[in-house]
């Protein structure tokens, strides 16, 4: 179990008290997690991540072209 309920069960099993502060912080944390997941599911977010990935790979290719090859290779030195 994860999230707020899992944490509350863990705290209870450890012998500590679960108070209203623990519950409210857990609810805020869960709400934030859900909101971030919903944002990641938007087509605009997916498109932006793809654009960033493509730009990163192009920049790496340009750098390698300028340097004459990869600047680091595992076990090459």
Protein backbone atom coordinates (compact mmCIF):
# COMPACT_ATOMS: atom_id res chain seq x y z
CA UNK A 1 0.00 0.00 0.00
CA UNK A 2 1.34 3.42 -0.83
CA UNK A 3 0.42 7.02 -0.29
CA UNK A 4 -1.33 8.42 2.73
CA UNK A 5 -2.98 5.22 3.92
CA UNK A 6 0.22 3.21 3.73
CA UNK A 7 2.08 5.82 5.72
CA UNK A 8 -0.65 5.94 8.33
CA UNK A 9 -0.57 2.16 8.70
CA UNK A 10 3.22 2.24 9.00
CA UNK A 11 3.10 4.96 11.66
CA UNK A 12 0.45 3.02 13.60
CA UNK A 13 2.45 -0.21 13.36
CA UNK A 14 5.52 1.64 14.66
CA UNK A 15 3.52 2.58 17.74
CA UNK A 16 3.13 6.29 17.02
CA UNK A 17 -0.08 8.26 17.00
CA UNK A 18 -1.74 9.29 13.75
CA UNK A 19 -3.12 12.78 14.31
CA UNK A 20 -5.01 15.26 12.16
CA UNK A 21 -1.79 16.89 10.99
CA UNK A 22 -0.54 13.57 9.61
CA UNK A 23 -3.83 13.02 7.81
CA UNK A 24 -4.03 16.52 6.30
CA UNK A 25 -0.41 16.46 5.11
CA UNK A 26 -0.99 13.06 3.56
CA UNK A 27 -4.10 14.28 1.76
CA UNK A 28 -2.22 17.30 0.37
CA UNK A 29 0.66 15.09 -0.75
CA UNK A 30 -1.73 12.66 -2.47
CA UNK A 31 -3.63 15.50 -4.14
CA UNK A 32 -0.39 16.97 -5.44
CA UNK A 33 0.72 13.57 -6.77
CA UNK A 34 -2.61 13.08 -8.58
CA UNK A 35 -2.51 16.60 -10.06
CA UNK A 36 1.03 16.05 -11.37
CA UNK A 37 0.01 12.72 -12.91
CA UNK A 38 -2.95 14.35 -14.63
CA UNK A 39 -0.71 17.09 -16.03
CA UNK A 40 1.71 14.46 -17.38
CA UNK A 41 -1.19 12.79 -19.22
CA UNK A 42 -2.09 15.92 -21.22
CA UNK A 43 -1.21 15.77 -24.91
CA UNK A 44 0.55 19.15 -24.65
CA UNK A 45 2.81 17.78 -21.90
CA UNK A 46 3.58 14.66 -23.89
CA UNK A 47 4.38 16.76 -26.97
CA UNK A 48 6.65 19.05 -24.94
CA UNK A 49 8.57 16.10 -23.45
CA UNK A 50 9.05 14.69 -26.96
CA UNK A 51 10.30 18.08 -28.22
CA UNK A 52 12.78 18.32 -25.34
CA UNK A 53 14.01 14.78 -26.00
CA UNK A 54 14.53 15.47 -29.69
CA UNK A 55 16.29 18.78 -28.97
CA UNK A 56 18.59 17.08 -26.46
CA UNK A 57 19.55 14.34 -28.88
CA UNK A 58 20.16 16.88 -31.68
CA UNK A 59 22.36 18.96 -29.39
CA UNK A 60 24.34 15.85 -28.46
CA UNK A 61 24.78 14.93 -32.13
CA UNK A 62 26.00 18.45 -32.94
CA UNK A 63 28.43 18.34 -30.04
CA UNK A 64 29.80 14.99 -31.17
CA UNK A 65 30.16 16.32 -34.72
CA UNK A 66 32.17 19.31 -33.46
CA UNK A 67 34.33 17.13 -31.22
CA UNK A 68 34.91 14.49 -33.87
CA UNK A 69 33.17 11.71 -31.98
CA UNK A 70 31.80 10.95 -28.55
CA UNK A 71 33.59 12.75 -25.75
CA UNK A 72 33.37 9.71 -23.47
CA UNK A 73 33.02 6.00 -24.06
CA UNK A 74 32.98 3.36 -21.38
CA UNK A 75 36.38 1.65 -21.16
CA UNK A 76 37.86 3.70 -24.00
CA UNK A 77 40.52 5.43 -21.90
